[in-house]
PDB file of N, CA and C in Angstrom:
ATOM      1  N   UNK A   1       0.836  -1.184   0.000  1.00  0.00           N
ATOM      2  CA  UNK A   1       0.000   0.000   0.000  1.00  0.00           C
ATOM      3  C   UNK A   1       0.880   1.246   0.000  1.00  0.00           C
ATOM      4  N   UNK A   2       0.536   2.178  -0.787  1.00  0.00           N
ATOM      5  CA  UNK A   2       1.289   3.423  -0.922  1.00  0.00           C
ATOM      6  C   UNK A   2       0.883   4.400   0.173  1.00  0.00           C
ATOM      7  N   UNK A   3       1.851   4.901   0.975  1.00  0.00           N
ATOM      8  CA  UNK A   3       1.573   5.802   2.090  1.00  0.00           C
ATOM      9  C   UNK A   3       0.949   7.123   1.636  1.00  0.00           C
ATOM     10  N   UNK A   4       1.152   7.505   0.410  1.00  0.00           N
ATOM     11  CA  UNK A   4       0.613   8.782  -0.081  1.00  0.00           C
ATOM     12  C   UNK A   4      -0.897   8.730  -0.279  1.00  0.00           C
ATOM     13  N   UNK A   5      -1.508   7.552  -0.239  1.00  0.00           N
ATOM     14  CA  UNK A   5      -2.950   7.414  -0.422  1.00  0.00           C
ATOM     15  C   UNK A   5      -3.726   7.503   0.882  1.00  0.00           C
ATOM     16  N   UNK A   6      -3.047   7.654   1.993  1.00  0.00           N
ATOM     17  CA  UNK A   6      -3.708   7.752   3.287  1.00  0.00           C
ATOM     18  C   UNK A   6      -3.950   9.233   3.586  1.00  0.00           C
ATOM     19  N   UNK A   7      -5.191   9.589   3.861  1.00  0.00           N
ATOM     20  CA  UNK A   7      -5.517  10.999   4.093  1.00  0.00           C
ATOM     21  C   UNK A   7      -5.114  11.436   5.505  1.00  0.00           C
ATOM     22  N   UNK A   8      -4.869  12.713   5.641  1.00  0.00           N
ATOM     23  CA  UNK A   8      -4.533  13.260   6.962  1.00  0.00           C
ATOM     24  C   UNK A   8      -5.688  13.073   7.932  1.00  0.00           C
ATOM     25  N   UNK A   9      -6.906  13.212   7.438  1.00  0.00           N
ATOM     26  CA  UNK A   9      -8.083  13.040   8.284  1.00  0.00           C
ATOM     27  C   UNK A   9      -8.128  11.615   8.846  1.00  0.00           C
ATOM     28  N   UNK A  10      -7.803  10.630   8.029  1.00  0.00           N
ATOM     29  CA  UNK A  10      -7.793   9.253   8.484  1.00  0.00           C
ATOM     30  C   UNK A  10      -6.703   9.037   9.533  1.00  0.00           C
ATOM     31  N   UNK A  11      -5.551   9.627   9.332  1.00  0.00           N
ATOM     32  CA  UNK A  11      -4.465   9.518  10.300  1.00  0.00           C
ATOM     33  C   UNK A  11      -4.882  10.147  11.627  1.00  0.00           C
ATOM     34  N   UNK A  12      -5.461  11.354  11.558  1.00  0.00           N
ATOM     35  CA  UNK A  12      -5.921  12.024  12.781  1.00  0.00           C
ATOM     36  C   UNK A  12      -6.977  11.204  13.501  1.00  0.00           C
ATOM     37  N   UNK A  13      -7.902  10.612  12.757  1.00  0.00           N
ATOM     38  CA  UNK A  13      -8.953   9.788  13.343  1.00  0.00           C
ATOM     39  C   UNK A  13      -8.348   8.579  14.063  1.00  0.00           C
ATOM     40  N   UNK A  14      -7.371   7.948  13.429  1.00  0.00           N
ATOM     41  CA  UNK A  14      -6.718   6.781  14.044  1.00  0.00           C
ATOM     42  C   UNK A  14      -5.972   7.175  15.324  1.00  0.00           C
ATOM     43  N   UNK A  15      -5.273   8.303  15.280  1.00  0.00           N
ATOM     44  CA  UNK A  15      -4.538   8.768  16.464  1.00  0.00           C
ATOM     45  C   UNK A  15      -5.506   9.108  17.580  1.00  0.00           C
ATOM     46  N   UNK A  16      -6.611   9.790  17.260  1.00  0.00           N
ATOM     47  CA  UNK A  16      -7.601  10.138  18.277  1.00  0.00           C
ATOM     48  C   UNK A  16      -8.202   8.878  18.888  1.00  0.00           C
ATOM     49  N   UNK A  17      -8.511   7.906  18.061  1.00  0.00           N
ATOM     50  CA  UNK A  17      -9.060   6.645  18.554  1.00  0.00           C
ATOM     51  C   UNK A  17      -8.070   5.951  19.487  1.00  0.00           C
ATOM     52  N   UNK A  18      -6.798   5.936  19.109  1.00  0.00           N
ATOM     53  CA  UNK A  18      -5.775   5.315  19.948  1.00  0.00           C
ATOM     54  C   UNK A  18      -5.659   6.052  21.282  1.00  0.00           C
ATOM     55  N   UNK A  19      -5.671   7.394  21.230  1.00  0.00           N
ATOM     56  CA  UNK A  19      -5.572   8.184  22.455  1.00  0.00           C
ATOM     57  C   UNK A  19      -6.781   7.950  23.367  1.00  0.00           C
ATOM     58  N   UNK A  20      -7.973   7.885  22.793  1.00  0.00           N
ATOM     59  CA  UNK A  20      -9.176   7.613  23.590  1.00  0.00           C
ATOM     60  C   UNK A  20      -9.092   6.242  24.251  1.00  0.00           C
ATOM     61  N   UNK A  21      -8.607   5.249  23.525  1.00  0.00           N
ATOM     62  CA  UNK A  21      -8.458   3.905  24.087  1.00  0.00           C
ATOM     63  C   UNK A  21      -7.428   3.888  25.214  1.00  0.00           C
ATOM     64  N   UNK A  22      -6.327   4.607  25.030  1.00  0.00           N
ATOM     65  CA  UNK A  22      -5.305   4.688  26.077  1.00  0.00           C
ATOM     66  C   UNK A  22      -5.862   5.381  27.321  1.00  0.00           C
ATOM     67  N   UNK A  23      -6.615   6.456  27.119  1.00  0.00           N
ATOM     68  CA  UNK A  23      -7.222   7.180  28.234  1.00  0.00           C
ATOM     69  C   UNK A  23      -8.170   6.277  29.013  1.00  0.00           C
ATOM     70  N   UNK A  24      -9.033   5.551  28.303  1.00  0.00           N
ATOM     71  CA  UNK A  24      -9.970   4.648  28.955  1.00  0.00           C
ATOM     72  C   UNK A  24      -9.237   3.543  29.718  1.00  0.00           C
ATOM     73  N   UNK A  25      -8.192   3.002  29.141  1.00  0.00           N
ATOM     74  CA  UNK A  25      -7.419   1.950  29.816  1.00  0.00           C
ATOM     75  C   UNK A  25      -6.773   2.474  31.098  1.00  0.00           C
ATOM     76  N   UNK A  26      -6.233   3.691  31.044  1.00  0.00           N
ATOM     77  CA  UNK A  26      -5.635   4.276  32.248  1.00  0.00           C
ATOM     78  C   UNK A  26      -6.690   4.554  33.306  1.00  0.00           C
ATOM     79  N   UNK A  27      -7.866   5.016  32.878  1.00  0.00           N
ATOM     80  CA  UNK A  27      -8.942   5.301  33.823  1.00  0.00           C
ATOM     81  C   UNK A  27      -9.382   4.018  34.515  1.00  0.00           C
ATOM     82  N   UNK A  28      -9.541   2.953  33.757  1.00  0.00           N
ATOM     83  CA  UNK A  28      -9.965   1.679  34.337  1.00  0.00           C
ATOM     84  C   UNK A  28      -8.900   1.075  35.233  1.00  0.00           C
ATOM     85  N   UNK A  29      -7.655   1.466  35.031  1.00  0.00           N
ATOM     86  CA  UNK A  29      -6.560   0.928  35.830  1.00  0.00           C
ATOM     87  C   UNK A  29      -6.215   1.760  37.056  1.00  0.00           C
ATOM     88  N   UNK A  30      -7.048   2.764  37.385  1.00  0.00           N
ATOM     89  CA  UNK A  30      -6.764   3.587  38.566  1.00  0.00           C
ATOM     90  C   UNK A  30      -6.743   2.723  39.818  1.00  0.00           C
ATOM     91  N   UNK A  31      -5.834   3.041  40.690  1.00  0.00           N
ATOM     92  CA  UNK A  31      -5.744   2.275  41.935  1.00  0.00           C
ATOM     93  C   UNK A  31      -6.797   2.758  42.921  1.00  0.00           C
ATOM     94  N   UNK A  32      -6.907   2.066  44.012  1.00  0.00           N
ATOM     95  CA  UNK A  32      -7.906   2.422  45.020  1.00  0.00           C
ATOM     96  C   UNK A  32      -7.591   3.750  45.703  1.00  0.00           C
ATOM     97  N   UNK A  33      -6.388   4.282  45.509  1.00  0.00           N
ATOM     98  CA  UNK A  33      -6.055   5.565  46.139  1.00  0.00           C
ATOM     99  C   UNK A  33      -6.773   6.726  45.466  1.00  0.00           C
ATOM    100  N   UNK A  34      -7.259   6.537  44.250  1.00  0.00           N
ATOM    101  CA  UNK A  34      -8.013   7.580  43.565  1.00  0.00           C
ATOM    102  C   UNK A  34      -9.517   7.352  43.738  1.00  0.00           C
ATOM    103  N   UNK A  35      -9.913   6.985  44.935  1.00  0.00           N
ATOM    104  CA  UNK A  35     -11.301   6.642  45.251  1.00  0.00           C
ATOM    105  C   UNK A  35     -12.259   7.793  44.955  1.00  0.00           C
ATOM    106  N   UNK A  36     -11.894   9.011  45.350  1.00  0.00           N
ATOM    107  CA  UNK A  36     -12.780  10.161  45.163  1.00  0.00           C
ATOM    108  C   UNK A  36     -13.039  10.432  43.683  1.00  0.00           C
ATOM    109  N   UNK A  37     -12.024  10.349  42.876  1.00  0.00           N
ATOM    110  CA  UNK A  37     -12.200  10.581  41.438  1.00  0.00           C
ATOM    111  C   UNK A  37     -13.161   9.560  40.850  1.00  0.00           C
ATOM    112  N   UNK A  38     -13.005   8.302  41.235  1.00  0.00           N
ATOM    113  CA  UNK A  38     -13.877   7.258  40.708  1.00  0.00           C
ATOM    114  C   UNK A  38     -15.324   7.457  41.159  1.00  0.00           C
ATOM    115  N   UNK A  39     -15.531   7.977  42.382  1.00  0.00           N
ATOM    116  CA  UNK A  39     -16.885   8.210  42.880  1.00  0.00           C
ATOM    117  C   UNK A  39     -17.563   9.358  42.136  1.00  0.00           C
ATOM    118  N   UNK A  40     -16.808  10.386  41.799  1.00  0.00           N
ATOM    119  CA  UNK A  40     -17.384  11.573  41.189  1.00  0.00           C
ATOM    120  C   UNK A  40     -17.457  11.514  39.667  1.00  0.00           C
ATOM    121  N   UNK A  41     -16.545  10.787  39.060  1.00  0.00           N
ATOM    122  CA  UNK A  41     -16.462  10.759  37.603  1.00  0.00           C
ATOM    123  C   UNK A  41     -16.609   9.317  37.140  1.00  0.00           C
ATOM    124  N   UNK A  42     -17.621   9.071  36.319  1.00  0.00           N
ATOM    125  CA  UNK A  42     -17.869   7.690  35.881  1.00  0.00           C
ATOM    126  C   UNK A  42     -16.834   7.194  34.882  1.00  0.00           C
ATOM    127  N   UNK A  43     -16.181   8.116  34.206  1.00  0.00           N
ATOM    128  CA  UNK A  43     -15.173   7.735  33.225  1.00  0.00           C
ATOM    129  C   UNK A  43     -15.042   8.811  32.165  1.00  0.00           C
ATOM    130  N   UNK A  44     -14.186   8.596  31.202  1.00  0.00           N
ATOM    131  CA  UNK A  44     -14.009   9.579  30.130  1.00  0.00           C
ATOM    132  C   UNK A  44     -15.313   9.803  29.358  1.00  0.00           C
ATOM    133  N   UNK A  45     -15.622  11.060  29.108  1.00  0.00           N
ATOM    134  CA  UNK A  45     -16.846  11.395  28.383  1.00  0.00           C
ATOM    135  C   UNK A  45     -16.552  12.488  27.363  1.00  0.00           C
ATOM    136  N   UNK A  46     -16.684  12.178  26.082  1.00  0.00           N
ATOM    137  CA  UNK A  46     -16.436  13.195  25.048  1.00  0.00           C
ATOM    138  C   UNK A  46     -17.362  14.406  25.179  1.00  0.00           C
ATOM    139  N   UNK A  47     -18.614  14.189  25.580  1.00  0.00           N
ATOM    140  CA  UNK A  47     -19.559  15.302  25.719  1.00  0.00           C
ATOM    141  C   UNK A  47     -19.135  16.229  26.855  1.00  0.00           C
ATOM    142  N   UNK A  48     -18.726  15.658  27.979  1.00  0.00           N
ATOM    143  CA  UNK A  48     -18.278  16.464  29.108  1.00  0.00           C
ATOM    144  C   UNK A  48     -17.008  17.216  28.754  1.00  0.00           C
ATOM    145  N   UNK A  49     -16.108  16.553  28.050  1.00  0.00           N
ATOM    146  CA  UNK A  49     -14.869  17.208  27.630  1.00  0.00           C
ATOM    147  C   UNK A  49     -15.176  18.432  26.775  1.00  0.00           C
ATOM    148  N   UNK A  50     -16.107  18.283  25.855  1.00  0.00           N
ATOM    149  CA  UNK A  50     -16.479  19.387  24.978  1.00  0.00           C
ATOM    150  C   UNK A  50     -17.078  20.544  25.778  1.00  0.00           C
ATOM    151  N   UNK A  51     -17.934  20.222  26.752  1.00  0.00           N
ATOM    152  CA  UNK A  51     -18.546  21.268  27.573  1.00  0.00           C
ATOM    153  C   UNK A  51     -17.512  22.009  28.402  1.00  0.00           C
ATOM    154  N   UNK A  52     -16.580  21.279  29.025  1.00  0.00           N
ATOM    155  CA  UNK A  52     -15.562  21.921  29.867  1.00  0.00           C
ATOM    156  C   UNK A  52     -14.631  22.765  29.004  1.00  0.00           C
ATOM    157  N   UNK A  53     -14.253  22.252  27.842  1.00  0.00           N
ATOM    158  CA  UNK A  53     -13.356  23.005  26.972  1.00  0.00           C
ATOM    159  C   UNK A  53     -14.012  24.248  26.386  1.00  0.00           C
ATOM    160  N   UNK A  54     -15.345  24.266  26.350  1.00  0.00           N
ATOM    161  CA  UNK A  54     -16.027  25.453  25.831  1.00  0.00           C
ATOM    162  C   UNK A  54     -16.126  26.568  26.880  1.00  0.00           C
ATOM    163  N   UNK A  55     -15.837  26.248  28.136  1.00  0.00           N
ATOM    164  CA  UNK A  55     -15.860  27.256  29.203  1.00  0.00           C
ATOM    165  C   UNK A  55     -14.595  28.113  29.124  1.00  0.00           C
ATOM    166  N   UNK A  56     -14.679  29.290  29.742  1.00  0.00           N
ATOM    167  CA  UNK A  56     -13.472  30.102  29.806  1.00  0.00           C
ATOM    168  C   UNK A  56     -12.516  29.503  30.843  1.00  0.00           C
ATOM    169  N   UNK A  57     -11.324  30.040  30.937  1.00  0.00           N
ATOM    170  CA  UNK A  57     -10.275  29.473  31.796  1.00  0.00           C
ATOM    171  C   UNK A  57     -10.698  29.425  33.259  1.00  0.00           C
ATOM    172  N   UNK A  58     -11.340  30.473  33.742  1.00  0.00           N
ATOM    173  CA  UNK A  58     -11.741  30.538  35.150  1.00  0.00           C
ATOM    174  C   UNK A  58     -12.765  29.459  35.478  1.00  0.00           C
ATOM    175  N   UNK A  59     -13.787  29.339  34.635  1.00  0.00           N
ATOM    176  CA  UNK A  59     -14.825  28.334  34.887  1.00  0.00           C
ATOM    177  C   UNK A  59     -14.280  26.919  34.793  1.00  0.00           C
ATOM    178  N   UNK A  60     -13.449  26.653  33.800  1.00  0.00           N
ATOM    179  CA  UNK A  60     -12.915  25.298  33.659  1.00  0.00           C
ATOM    180  C   UNK A  60     -11.995  24.950  34.821  1.00  0.00           C
ATOM    181  N   UNK A  61     -11.286  25.940  35.367  1.00  0.00           N
ATOM    182  CA  UNK A  61     -10.430  25.703  36.533  1.00  0.00           C
ATOM    183  C   UNK A  61     -11.272  25.314  37.746  1.00  0.00           C
ATOM    184  N   UNK A  62     -12.405  25.992  37.927  1.00  0.00           N
ATOM    185  CA  UNK A  62     -13.303  25.683  39.048  1.00  0.00           C
ATOM    186  C   UNK A  62     -13.875  24.274  38.894  1.00  0.00           C
ATOM    187  N   UNK A  63     -14.347  23.948  37.701  1.00  0.00           N
ATOM    188  CA  UNK A  63     -14.926  22.622  37.460  1.00  0.00           C
ATOM    189  C   UNK A  63     -13.883  21.530  37.696  1.00  0.00           C
ATOM    190  N   UNK A  64     -12.691  21.693  37.145  1.00  0.00           N
ATOM    191  CA  UNK A  64     -11.638  20.689  37.341  1.00  0.00           C
ATOM    192  C   UNK A  64     -11.243  20.580  38.807  1.00  0.00           C
ATOM    193  N   UNK A  65     -11.188  21.705  39.504  1.00  0.00           N
ATOM    194  CA  UNK A  65     -10.854  21.674  40.924  1.00  0.00           C
ATOM    195  C   UNK A  65     -11.893  20.939  41.740  1.00  0.00           C
ATOM    196  N   UNK A  66     -13.165  21.157  41.440  1.00  0.00           N
ATOM    197  CA  UNK A  66     -14.229  20.467  42.169  1.00  0.00           C
ATOM    198  C   UNK A  66     -14.236  18.971  41.881  1.00  0.00           C
ATOM    199  N   UNK A  67     -14.030  18.611  40.622  1.00  0.00           N
ATOM    200  CA  UNK A  67     -14.041  17.187  40.271  1.00  0.00           C
ATOM    201  C   UNK A  67     -12.834  16.441  40.824  1.00  0.00           C
ATOM    202  N   UNK A  68     -11.686  17.084  40.845  1.00  0.00           N
ATOM    203  CA  UNK A  68     -10.473  16.403  41.286  1.00  0.00           C
ATOM    204  C   UNK A  68     -10.176  16.616  42.763  1.00  0.00           C
ATOM    205  N   UNK A  69     -10.962  17.488  43.418  1.00  0.00           N
ATOM    206  CA  UNK A  69     -10.751  17.867  44.817  1.00  0.00           C
ATOM    207  C   UNK A  69      -9.397  18.529  45.037  1.00  0.00           C
ATOM    208  N   UNK A  70      -8.838  19.119  44.007  1.00  0.00           N
ATOM    209  CA  UNK A  70      -7.621  19.922  44.123  1.00  0.00           C
ATOM    210  C   UNK A  70      -8.038  21.370  43.914  1.00  0.00           C
ATOM    211  N   UNK A  71      -8.518  21.962  44.990  1.00  0.00           N
ATOM    212  CA  UNK A  71      -9.035  23.314  44.900  1.00  0.00           C
ATOM    213  C   UNK A  71      -8.706  24.079  46.176  1.00  0.00           C
ATOM    214  N   UNK A  72      -9.130  25.309  46.240  1.00  0.00           N
ATOM    215  CA  UNK A  72      -8.829  26.135  47.405  1.00  0.00           C
ATOM    216  C   UNK A  72     -10.095  26.463  48.191  1.00  0.00           C
ATOM    217  N   UNK A  73     -10.951  25.466  48.349  1.00  0.00           N
ATOM    218  CA  UNK A  73     -12.121  25.661  49.191  1.00  0.00           C
ATOM    219  C   UNK A  73     -11.672  25.824  50.638  1.00  0.00           C
ATOM    220  N   UNK A  74     -12.499  26.441  51.431  1.00  0.00           N
ATOM    221  CA  UNK A  74     -12.136  26.781  52.806  1.00  0.00           C
ATOM    222  C   UNK A  74     -11.611  25.570  53.593  1.00  0.00           C
ATOM    223  N   UNK A  75     -12.277  24.428  53.467  1.00  0.00           N
ATOM    224  CA  UNK A  75     -11.841  23.265  54.269  1.00  0.00           C
ATOM    225  C   UNK A  75     -10.463  22.760  53.852  1.00  0.00           C
ATOM    226  N   UNK A  76     -10.037  23.064  52.621  1.00  0.00           N
ATOM    227  CA  UNK A  76      -8.726  22.625  52.171  1.00  0.00           C
ATOM    228  C   UNK A  76      -7.617  23.580  52.621  1.00  0.00           C
ATOM    229  N   UNK A  77      -7.988  24.770  53.060  1.00  0.00           N
ATOM    230  CA  UNK A  77      -6.984  25.756  53.467  1.00  0.00           C
ATOM    231  C   UNK A  77      -6.538  25.567  54.914  1.00  0.00           C
ATOM    232  N   UNK A  78      -7.225  24.739  55.682  1.00  0.00           N
ATOM    233  CA  UNK A  78      -6.878  24.541  57.097  1.00  0.00           C
ATOM    234  C   UNK A  78      -6.274  23.175  57.319  1.00  0.00           C
TER     235      UNK A  78
END
């Protein structure tokens, strides 16, 4: 097969698919120490990713902080 016949779109699609599969495999392999993340987030979601990425920097920082529990809420400051 001639490499020049493969479209860039097809290459990008294959890479994205591989990355999504790797992400899902890592998520499923989380250890029990990431208990809070597993309780709050069911797993990778393309729709949620799109919504968070459409937010401005401040809003996405708040959402990520709440989901990951890495934030500066009052109880975390003491």
